[in-house]
Amino acid sequence: MTAESQPGAGSVRSAVRWGLLLAAVASWGFRLPRVVHEFRAWREALGLSDRSGAASWRDFLVADVIGLLIVLAFGVVIFLVLRPRSPSQP
């Protein structure tokens, strides 16, 4: 007996699907204030003509933004991969 033919298998799959999406969005929301702070610090360092400070804040900002995008992309991709199959699909 396959997992899809068992009663309640769709609800477990749906719960995992929504749980992973919620975890990705929560992680994104938790890190967003830090990214905003790094953006403000970078802009302030640019205004003070502090090249080394601006470069380090920019590096932190870029790394955190890339991390946020990766987490959100994984969450959305997994959400779409685990969507329920239509009855016409095997």
N, C-alpha and C. Protein backbone atom coordinates (compact mmCIF):
# COMPACT_ATOMS: atom_id res chain seq x y z
N MET A 1 0.85 -1.17 0.00
CA MET A 1 0.00 0.00 0.00
C MET A 1 0.90 1.24 0.00
N THR A 2 0.68 2.15 -0.92
CA THR A 2 1.49 3.36 -1.00
C THR A 2 1.00 4.40 -0.01
N ALA A 3 1.84 5.42 0.19
CA ALA A 3 1.51 6.46 1.15
C ALA A 3 0.29 7.26 0.70
N GLU A 4 0.11 7.45 -0.62
CA GLU A 4 -1.01 8.23 -1.11
C GLU A 4 -2.33 7.49 -0.96
N SER A 5 -2.30 6.16 -0.95
CA SER A 5 -3.54 5.41 -0.86
C SER A 5 -4.00 5.20 0.57
N GLN A 6 -3.16 5.48 1.55
CA GLN A 6 -3.54 5.35 2.94
C GLN A 6 -4.44 6.52 3.35
N PRO A 7 -5.42 6.25 4.21
CA PRO A 7 -6.27 7.36 4.66
C PRO A 7 -5.46 8.34 5.50
N GLY A 8 -5.66 9.61 5.26
CA GLY A 8 -4.97 10.65 6.03
C GLY A 8 -3.59 10.98 5.52
N ALA A 9 -3.10 10.31 4.49
CA ALA A 9 -1.76 10.60 3.97
C ALA A 9 -1.71 11.99 3.36
N GLY A 10 -2.80 12.42 2.74
CA GLY A 10 -2.84 13.76 2.16
C GLY A 10 -2.80 14.85 3.20
N SER A 11 -3.42 14.59 4.35
CA SER A 11 -3.41 15.62 5.38
C SER A 11 -2.03 15.75 6.01
N VAL A 12 -1.29 14.65 6.13
CA VAL A 12 0.08 14.72 6.66
C VAL A 12 0.96 15.46 5.67
N ARG A 13 0.82 15.15 4.41
CA ARG A 13 1.60 15.82 3.37
C ARG A 13 1.29 17.31 3.34
N SER A 14 0.03 17.65 3.48
CA SER A 14 -0.36 19.05 3.49
C SER A 14 0.18 19.76 4.73
N ALA A 15 0.16 19.08 5.87
CA ALA A 15 0.68 19.68 7.10
C ALA A 15 2.18 19.92 6.98
N VAL A 16 2.91 18.98 6.41
CA VAL A 16 4.35 19.15 6.21
C VAL A 16 4.60 20.29 5.24
N ARG A 17 3.82 20.34 4.19
CA ARG A 17 3.95 21.38 3.17
C ARG A 17 3.76 22.77 3.77
N TRP A 18 2.69 22.96 4.50
CA TRP A 18 2.41 24.26 5.09
C TRP A 18 3.37 24.58 6.23
N GLY A 19 3.78 23.56 6.98
CA GLY A 19 4.73 23.77 8.07
C GLY A 19 6.08 24.25 7.57
N LEU A 20 6.57 23.66 6.48
CA LEU A 20 7.85 24.09 5.92
C LEU A 20 7.76 25.50 5.34
N LEU A 21 6.66 25.82 4.72
CA LEU A 21 6.49 27.17 4.20
C LEU A 21 6.43 28.19 5.34
N LEU A 22 5.72 27.83 6.40
CA LEU A 22 5.64 28.71 7.56
C LEU A 22 7.01 28.90 8.21
N ALA A 23 7.79 27.83 8.29
CA ALA A 23 9.14 27.93 8.86
C ALA A 23 10.03 28.83 8.01
N ALA A 24 9.92 28.73 6.70
CA ALA A 24 10.72 29.58 5.82
C ALA A 24 10.33 31.04 5.97
N VAL A 25 9.05 31.32 6.02
CA VAL A 25 8.59 32.70 6.16
C VAL A 25 8.94 33.25 7.55
N ALA A 26 8.84 32.41 8.58
CA ALA A 26 9.20 32.85 9.93
C ALA A 26 10.70 33.15 10.02
N SER A 27 11.51 32.31 9.41
CA SER A 27 12.95 32.55 9.39
C SER A 27 13.26 33.85 8.65
N TRP A 28 12.56 34.08 7.55
CA TRP A 28 12.75 35.30 6.78
C TRP A 28 12.36 36.52 7.61
N GLY A 29 11.23 36.43 8.30
CA GLY A 29 10.77 37.54 9.12
C GLY A 29 11.66 37.80 10.32
N PHE A 30 12.25 36.73 10.87
CA PHE A 30 13.14 36.88 12.02
C PHE A 30 14.44 37.58 11.62
N ARG A 31 14.93 37.33 10.42
CA ARG A 31 16.20 37.91 9.97
C ARG A 31 16.04 39.28 9.33
N LEU A 32 14.84 39.65 8.96
CA LEU A 32 14.63 40.90 8.25
C LEU A 32 15.06 42.14 9.04
N PRO A 33 14.80 42.25 10.35
CA PRO A 33 15.27 43.43 11.07
C PRO A 33 16.79 43.58 11.06
N ARG A 34 17.51 42.46 11.10
CA ARG A 34 18.97 42.53 11.04
C ARG A 34 19.43 43.06 9.69
N VAL A 35 18.76 42.65 8.62
CA VAL A 35 19.11 43.14 7.28
C VAL A 35 18.83 44.64 7.19
N VAL A 36 17.74 45.09 7.76
CA VAL A 36 17.42 46.52 7.74
C VAL A 36 18.49 47.30 8.51
N HIS A 37 18.91 46.78 9.66
CA HIS A 37 19.96 47.43 10.44
C HIS A 37 21.28 47.51 9.64
N GLU A 38 21.63 46.41 8.98
CA GLU A 38 22.86 46.41 8.18
C GLU A 38 22.77 47.38 7.02
N PHE A 39 21.59 47.49 6.41
CA PHE A 39 21.40 48.44 5.31
C PHE A 39 21.59 49.87 5.81
N ARG A 40 21.00 50.19 6.96
CA ARG A 40 21.14 51.53 7.51
C ARG A 40 22.58 51.84 7.90
N ALA A 41 23.27 50.86 8.48
CA ALA A 41 24.67 51.06 8.86
C ALA A 41 25.54 51.25 7.62
N TRP A 42 25.24 50.52 6.56
CA TRP A 42 26.00 50.66 5.31
C TRP A 42 25.80 52.06 4.72
N ARG A 43 24.53 52.52 4.69
CA ARG A 43 24.25 53.85 4.16
C ARG A 43 24.91 54.94 5.02
N GLU A 44 24.94 54.74 6.33
CA GLU A 44 25.58 55.71 7.21
C GLU A 44 27.09 55.74 6.98
N ALA A 45 27.70 54.57 6.80
CA ALA A 45 29.14 54.51 6.53
C ALA A 45 29.47 55.17 5.19
N LEU A 46 28.58 55.02 4.21
CA LEU A 46 28.80 55.70 2.93
C LEU A 46 28.73 57.21 3.10
N GLY A 47 27.81 57.66 3.93
CA GLY A 47 27.67 59.10 4.16
C GLY A 47 28.85 59.69 4.90
N LEU A 48 29.52 58.89 5.72
CA LEU A 48 30.68 59.36 6.47
C LEU A 48 31.98 59.19 5.69
N SER A 49 31.89 58.71 4.48
CA SER A 49 33.05 58.43 3.61
C SER A 49 34.01 57.43 4.26
N ASP A 50 33.47 56.47 4.98
CA ASP A 50 34.25 55.40 5.60
C ASP A 50 34.24 54.20 4.65
N ARG A 51 35.23 54.14 3.78
CA ARG A 51 35.24 53.11 2.74
C ARG A 51 35.36 51.70 3.30
N SER A 52 36.23 51.49 4.27
CA SER A 52 36.40 50.13 4.80
C SER A 52 35.17 49.71 5.60
N GLY A 53 34.60 50.63 6.35
CA GLY A 53 33.37 50.32 7.09
C GLY A 53 32.21 50.03 6.16
N ALA A 54 32.09 50.84 5.12
CA ALA A 54 31.02 50.63 4.15
C ALA A 54 31.18 49.29 3.43
N ALA A 55 32.43 48.93 3.12
CA ALA A 55 32.67 47.66 2.43
C ALA A 55 32.30 46.48 3.32
N SER A 56 32.64 46.56 4.60
CA SER A 56 32.31 45.44 5.49
C SER A 56 30.80 45.35 5.73
N TRP A 57 30.12 46.50 5.89
CA TRP A 57 28.67 46.46 6.05
C TRP A 57 27.99 45.94 4.79
N ARG A 58 28.54 46.31 3.63
CA ARG A 58 27.97 45.83 2.37
C ARG A 58 28.14 44.31 2.26
N ASP A 59 29.30 43.79 2.68
CA ASP A 59 29.51 42.34 2.64
C ASP A 59 28.52 41.61 3.55
N PHE A 60 28.32 42.13 4.77
CA PHE A 60 27.34 41.53 5.68
C PHE A 60 25.94 41.58 5.08
N LEU A 61 25.59 42.73 4.49
CA LEU A 61 24.27 42.91 3.90
C LEU A 61 24.05 41.94 2.75
N VAL A 62 25.01 41.83 1.86
CA VAL A 62 24.87 40.94 0.71
C VAL A 62 24.75 39.49 1.16
N ALA A 63 25.57 39.07 2.13
CA ALA A 63 25.51 37.69 2.62
C ALA A 63 24.16 37.38 3.26
N ASP A 64 23.64 38.31 4.06
CA ASP A 64 22.35 38.06 4.70
C ASP A 64 21.20 38.07 3.70
N VAL A 65 21.25 38.95 2.72
CA VAL A 65 20.19 38.99 1.71
C VAL A 65 20.20 37.71 0.88
N ILE A 66 21.37 37.25 0.50
CA ILE A 66 21.46 35.99 -0.25
C ILE A 66 20.92 34.84 0.58
N GLY A 67 21.28 34.81 1.87
CA GLY A 67 20.76 33.77 2.75
C GLY A 67 19.24 33.81 2.86
N LEU A 68 18.69 35.02 2.98
CA LEU A 68 17.24 35.16 3.03
C LEU A 68 16.57 34.65 1.76
N LEU A 69 17.14 35.01 0.63
CA LEU A 69 16.56 34.57 -0.64
C LEU A 69 16.63 33.05 -0.81
N ILE A 70 17.72 32.45 -0.36
CA ILE A 70 17.86 31.00 -0.46
C ILE A 70 16.83 30.31 0.42
N VAL A 71 16.67 30.77 1.66
CA VAL A 71 15.70 30.16 2.57
C VAL A 71 14.29 30.30 2.01
N LEU A 72 13.95 31.47 1.52
CA LEU A 72 12.61 31.68 0.97
C LEU A 72 12.40 30.85 -0.30
N ALA A 73 13.42 30.77 -1.14
CA ALA A 73 13.30 29.97 -2.37
C ALA A 73 13.11 28.50 -2.05
N PHE A 74 13.88 27.96 -1.09
CA PHE A 74 13.70 26.56 -0.70
C PHE A 74 12.29 26.32 -0.16
N GLY A 75 11.81 27.24 0.66
CA GLY A 75 10.46 27.08 1.21
C GLY A 75 9.40 27.06 0.13
N VAL A 76 9.50 27.95 -0.83
CA VAL A 76 8.51 28.01 -1.91
C VAL A 76 8.63 26.79 -2.83
N VAL A 77 9.85 26.38 -3.14
CA VAL A 77 10.03 25.20 -4.01
C VAL A 77 9.48 23.95 -3.35
N ILE A 78 9.79 23.75 -2.09
CA ILE A 78 9.28 22.57 -1.38
C ILE A 78 7.76 22.64 -1.28
N PHE A 79 7.23 23.83 -1.04
CA PHE A 79 5.78 24.00 -1.00
C PHE A 79 5.14 23.58 -2.32
N LEU A 80 5.75 23.97 -3.43
CA LEU A 80 5.20 23.62 -4.74
C LEU A 80 5.40 22.15 -5.09
N VAL A 81 6.52 21.58 -4.68
CA VAL A 81 6.79 20.16 -4.98
C VAL A 81 5.83 19.25 -4.22
N LEU A 82 5.48 19.62 -3.01
CA LEU A 82 4.60 18.78 -2.19
C LEU A 82 3.11 19.06 -2.39
N ARG A 83 2.77 19.86 -3.40
CA ARG A 83 1.35 20.15 -3.61
C ARG A 83 0.61 18.86 -3.99
N PRO A 84 -0.66 18.80 -3.68
CA PRO A 84 -1.43 17.57 -3.99
C PRO A 84 -1.51 17.34 -5.49
N ARG A 85 -1.42 16.09 -5.83
CA ARG A 85 -1.51 15.72 -7.25
C ARG A 85 -2.97 15.67 -7.66
N SER A 86 -3.22 16.02 -8.90
CA SER A 86 -4.59 15.91 -9.41
C SER A 86 -4.88 14.43 -9.69
N PRO A 87 -6.13 14.02 -9.70
CA PRO A 87 -6.45 12.61 -9.92
C PRO A 87 -5.98 12.06 -11.26
N SER A 88 -5.74 12.91 -12.25
CA SER A 88 -5.31 12.42 -13.56
C SER A 88 -3.83 12.08 -13.59
N GLN A 89 -3.04 12.57 -12.61
CA GLN A 89 -1.61 12.28 -12.58
C GLN A 89 -1.37 10.97 -11.85
N PRO A 90 -0.31 10.23 -12.25
CA PRO A 90 -0.04 8.94 -11.57
C PRO A 90 0.51 9.14 -10.18
